[in-house]
N, C-alpha and C. Protein backbone atom coordinates (compact mmCIF):
# COMPACT_ATOMS: atom_id res chain seq x y z
N UNK A 1 -88.22 63.21 122.68
CA UNK A 1 -87.10 63.59 121.82
C UNK A 1 -87.41 64.20 120.64
N UNK A 2 -86.80 65.29 119.96
CA UNK A 2 -86.96 65.59 118.78
C UNK A 2 -85.67 65.18 117.93
N UNK A 3 -85.96 64.99 116.69
CA UNK A 3 -84.67 64.65 115.87
C UNK A 3 -84.14 63.08 116.43
N UNK A 4 -83.20 62.57 115.76
CA UNK A 4 -82.44 61.43 115.80
C UNK A 4 -81.54 61.36 116.87
N UNK A 5 -81.54 62.77 117.36
CA UNK A 5 -80.36 62.83 118.57
C UNK A 5 -81.14 63.09 119.80
N UNK A 6 -80.66 62.43 121.06
CA UNK A 6 -81.76 62.95 122.22
C UNK A 6 -81.07 64.22 122.55
N UNK A 7 -82.25 64.71 123.71
CA UNK A 7 -81.89 66.26 124.42
C UNK A 7 -80.40 65.95 125.13
N UNK A 8 -80.16 64.88 125.79
CA UNK A 8 -78.73 64.71 126.26
C UNK A 8 -77.37 64.82 125.39
N UNK A 9 -77.55 64.48 124.31
CA UNK A 9 -76.49 64.82 123.29
C UNK A 9 -76.57 65.99 122.79
N UNK A 10 -77.82 66.89 122.77
CA UNK A 10 -77.56 68.23 121.97
C UNK A 10 -77.21 69.04 122.88
N UNK A 11 -77.45 68.71 124.49
CA UNK A 11 -77.01 69.56 125.48
C UNK A 11 -75.58 69.75 125.75
N UNK A 12 -74.56 68.17 125.51
CA UNK A 12 -73.61 68.42 125.33
C UNK A 12 -72.78 69.57 124.53
N UNK A 13 -73.64 68.82 123.04
CA UNK A 13 -72.87 69.91 122.07
C UNK A 13 -73.07 71.56 122.57
N UNK A 14 -74.12 72.00 123.38
CA UNK A 14 -74.07 73.27 123.44
C UNK A 14 -72.70 73.48 125.15
N UNK A 15 -72.82 72.74 125.75
CA UNK A 15 -71.34 72.81 126.63
C UNK A 15 -70.55 72.83 125.87
N UNK A 16 -70.14 72.28 124.98
CA UNK A 16 -68.79 72.24 123.97
C UNK A 16 -68.74 73.07 123.43
N UNK A 17 -69.73 73.70 122.74
CA UNK A 17 -69.78 74.93 122.09
C UNK A 17 -69.52 75.95 123.27
N UNK A 18 -69.98 76.41 124.47
CA UNK A 18 -69.60 77.22 125.39
C UNK A 18 -67.88 76.73 125.69
N UNK A 19 -67.71 75.73 125.90
CA UNK A 19 -65.91 75.72 125.98
C UNK A 19 -65.22 76.12 125.24
N UNK A 20 -65.62 75.80 124.02
CA UNK A 20 -64.84 76.49 122.87
C UNK A 20 -64.64 77.82 122.51
N UNK A 21 -65.64 78.63 123.13
CA UNK A 21 -65.97 79.67 122.85
C UNK A 21 -64.82 80.52 124.32
N UNK A 22 -65.08 79.83 125.41
CA UNK A 22 -64.36 80.00 126.37
C UNK A 22 -62.68 80.05 125.90
N UNK A 23 -62.13 79.24 125.54
CA UNK A 23 -61.17 78.84 125.39
C UNK A 23 -60.32 79.66 124.25
N UNK A 24 -61.16 80.06 123.20
CA UNK A 24 -60.65 81.09 122.03
C UNK A 24 -60.32 82.34 123.05
N UNK A 25 -61.09 83.04 123.95
CA UNK A 25 -61.03 84.15 124.10
C UNK A 25 -60.48 84.28 125.44
N UNK A 26 -59.69 83.12 125.82
CA UNK A 26 -59.23 82.85 127.23
C UNK A 26 -58.03 84.26 127.58
N UNK A 27 -57.35 84.06 126.49
CA UNK A 27 -56.31 85.25 127.01
C UNK A 27 -56.47 85.87 125.89
N UNK A 28 -57.57 86.88 125.98
CA UNK A 28 -57.45 88.27 125.53
C UNK A 28 -58.60 89.37 126.17
N UNK A 29 -58.13 90.23 125.75
CA UNK A 29 -59.34 91.32 126.22
C UNK A 29 -60.55 91.78 125.39
N UNK A 30 -61.24 92.59 125.63
CA UNK A 30 -62.06 92.97 124.62
C UNK A 30 -61.90 93.55 123.55
N UNK A 31 -60.79 94.23 123.50
CA UNK A 31 -60.26 95.26 122.43
C UNK A 31 -59.42 94.25 121.32
N UNK A 32 -58.61 93.25 122.04
CA UNK A 32 -58.11 92.28 121.27
C UNK A 32 -59.17 91.12 120.84
N UNK A 33 -60.34 90.84 121.05
CA UNK A 33 -61.16 89.87 120.60
C UNK A 33 -61.85 90.92 119.52
N UNK A 34 -62.23 92.33 119.47
CA UNK A 34 -62.71 93.03 118.81
C UNK A 34 -61.72 92.96 117.15
N UNK A 35 -60.38 93.30 117.39
CA UNK A 35 -59.44 93.24 116.69
C UNK A 35 -59.29 91.87 115.74
N UNK A 36 -59.50 90.84 116.35
CA UNK A 36 -59.27 89.13 115.84
C UNK A 36 -60.48 88.81 115.17
N UNK A 37 -60.64 89.53 113.46
CA UNK A 37 -61.93 88.45 112.75
C UNK A 37 -61.83 87.20 113.29
N UNK A 38 -60.90 86.36 112.94
CA UNK A 38 -60.82 84.81 112.95
C UNK A 38 -61.57 84.39 114.50
N UNK A 39 -61.33 85.07 115.60
CA UNK A 39 -61.94 84.76 116.80
C UNK A 39 -63.12 85.12 116.87
N UNK A 40 -63.59 86.15 116.55
CA UNK A 40 -65.25 86.80 116.22
C UNK A 40 -66.09 85.79 115.74
N UNK A 41 -65.43 85.40 114.34
CA UNK A 41 -66.34 84.44 113.51
C UNK A 41 -66.21 83.07 114.25
N UNK A 42 -65.27 82.64 114.71
CA UNK A 42 -65.06 81.40 115.32
C UNK A 42 -66.21 81.31 116.25
N UNK A 43 -66.19 82.36 117.37
CA UNK A 43 -67.31 82.38 118.26
C UNK A 43 -68.64 82.50 117.96
N UNK A 44 -68.94 83.42 116.78
CA UNK A 44 -70.08 83.58 116.06
C UNK A 44 -70.63 82.22 115.49
N UNK A 45 -69.76 81.33 115.13
CA UNK A 45 -70.02 79.84 114.98
C UNK A 45 -70.65 79.29 115.91
N UNK A 46 -69.75 79.23 116.93
CA UNK A 46 -70.12 78.70 118.20
C UNK A 46 -71.44 78.89 118.40
N UNK A 47 -71.90 80.34 118.56
CA UNK A 47 -72.99 80.85 119.20
C UNK A 47 -74.18 80.17 118.40
N UNK A 48 -74.06 80.21 117.08
CA UNK A 48 -75.08 79.47 115.48
C UNK A 48 -75.55 78.03 116.09
N UNK A 49 -74.14 77.40 116.71
CA UNK A 49 -74.46 75.97 117.17
C UNK A 49 -75.19 75.77 118.23
N UNK A 50 -74.78 76.73 119.16
CA UNK A 50 -75.71 76.75 120.26
C UNK A 50 -77.21 76.82 120.24
N UNK A 51 -77.52 78.17 119.26
CA UNK A 51 -78.97 78.36 118.98
C UNK A 51 -79.45 77.13 118.21
N UNK A 52 -78.81 76.62 117.53
CA UNK A 52 -79.46 75.38 116.60
C UNK A 52 -79.86 74.16 117.37
N UNK A 53 -78.48 74.28 118.57
CA UNK A 53 -79.14 73.00 119.26
C UNK A 53 -80.03 73.06 120.22
N UNK A 54 -80.26 74.45 120.76
CA UNK A 54 -81.20 74.98 121.75
C UNK A 54 -82.46 74.68 121.08
N UNK A 55 -82.42 74.95 119.61
CA UNK A 55 -84.09 74.94 119.28
C UNK A 55 -84.72 73.71 119.00
N UNK A 56 -83.93 72.78 119.17
CA UNK A 56 -84.30 71.19 118.70
C UNK A 56 -84.27 70.44 120.12
N UNK A 57 -83.93 70.97 121.49
CA UNK A 57 -83.85 70.63 122.89
C UNK A 57 -85.69 70.20 123.10
N UNK A 58 -85.94 69.40 123.57
CA UNK A 58 -87.30 69.21 123.95
C UNK A 58 -87.85 70.16 124.84
N UNK A 59 -89.08 70.27 124.65
CA UNK A 59 -89.66 71.40 126.01
C UNK A 59 -90.03 70.58 127.08
N UNK A 60 -89.47 71.36 128.41
CA UNK A 60 -89.60 70.37 129.53
C UNK A 60 -90.34 71.54 130.30
N UNK A 61 -91.56 70.81 130.84
CA UNK A 61 -92.73 71.33 131.90
C UNK A 61 -92.26 70.96 133.17
N UNK A 62 -91.43 72.10 133.59
CA UNK A 62 -90.86 72.24 135.02
C UNK A 62 -91.80 72.73 136.28
N UNK A 63 -92.73 73.31 135.51
CA UNK A 63 -93.67 73.87 136.60
C UNK A 63 -93.67 75.43 136.91
N UNK A 64 -92.63 76.03 136.32
CA UNK A 64 -92.37 77.45 136.02
C UNK A 64 -93.46 77.85 134.93
N UNK A 65 -93.96 79.19 135.28
CA UNK A 65 -94.53 79.95 134.03
C UNK A 65 -94.03 81.40 133.86
N UNK A 66 -93.68 81.72 132.65
CA UNK A 66 -93.06 82.83 131.94
C UNK A 66 -94.18 83.82 131.63
């Protein structure tokens, strides 16, 4: 476990951010998304949260080699 909160909490934060992005973009198409700067920036903020949380999740050795 890295940091003060555990992987389970970080993964929950990632899931919540994904759900937020889905909610923001639920009733729009790509053109509408691109025209709505507030929606774009809200999604970018959620993606930043996903990236930050994922950087702090512990490395798991699951036997795969990349």
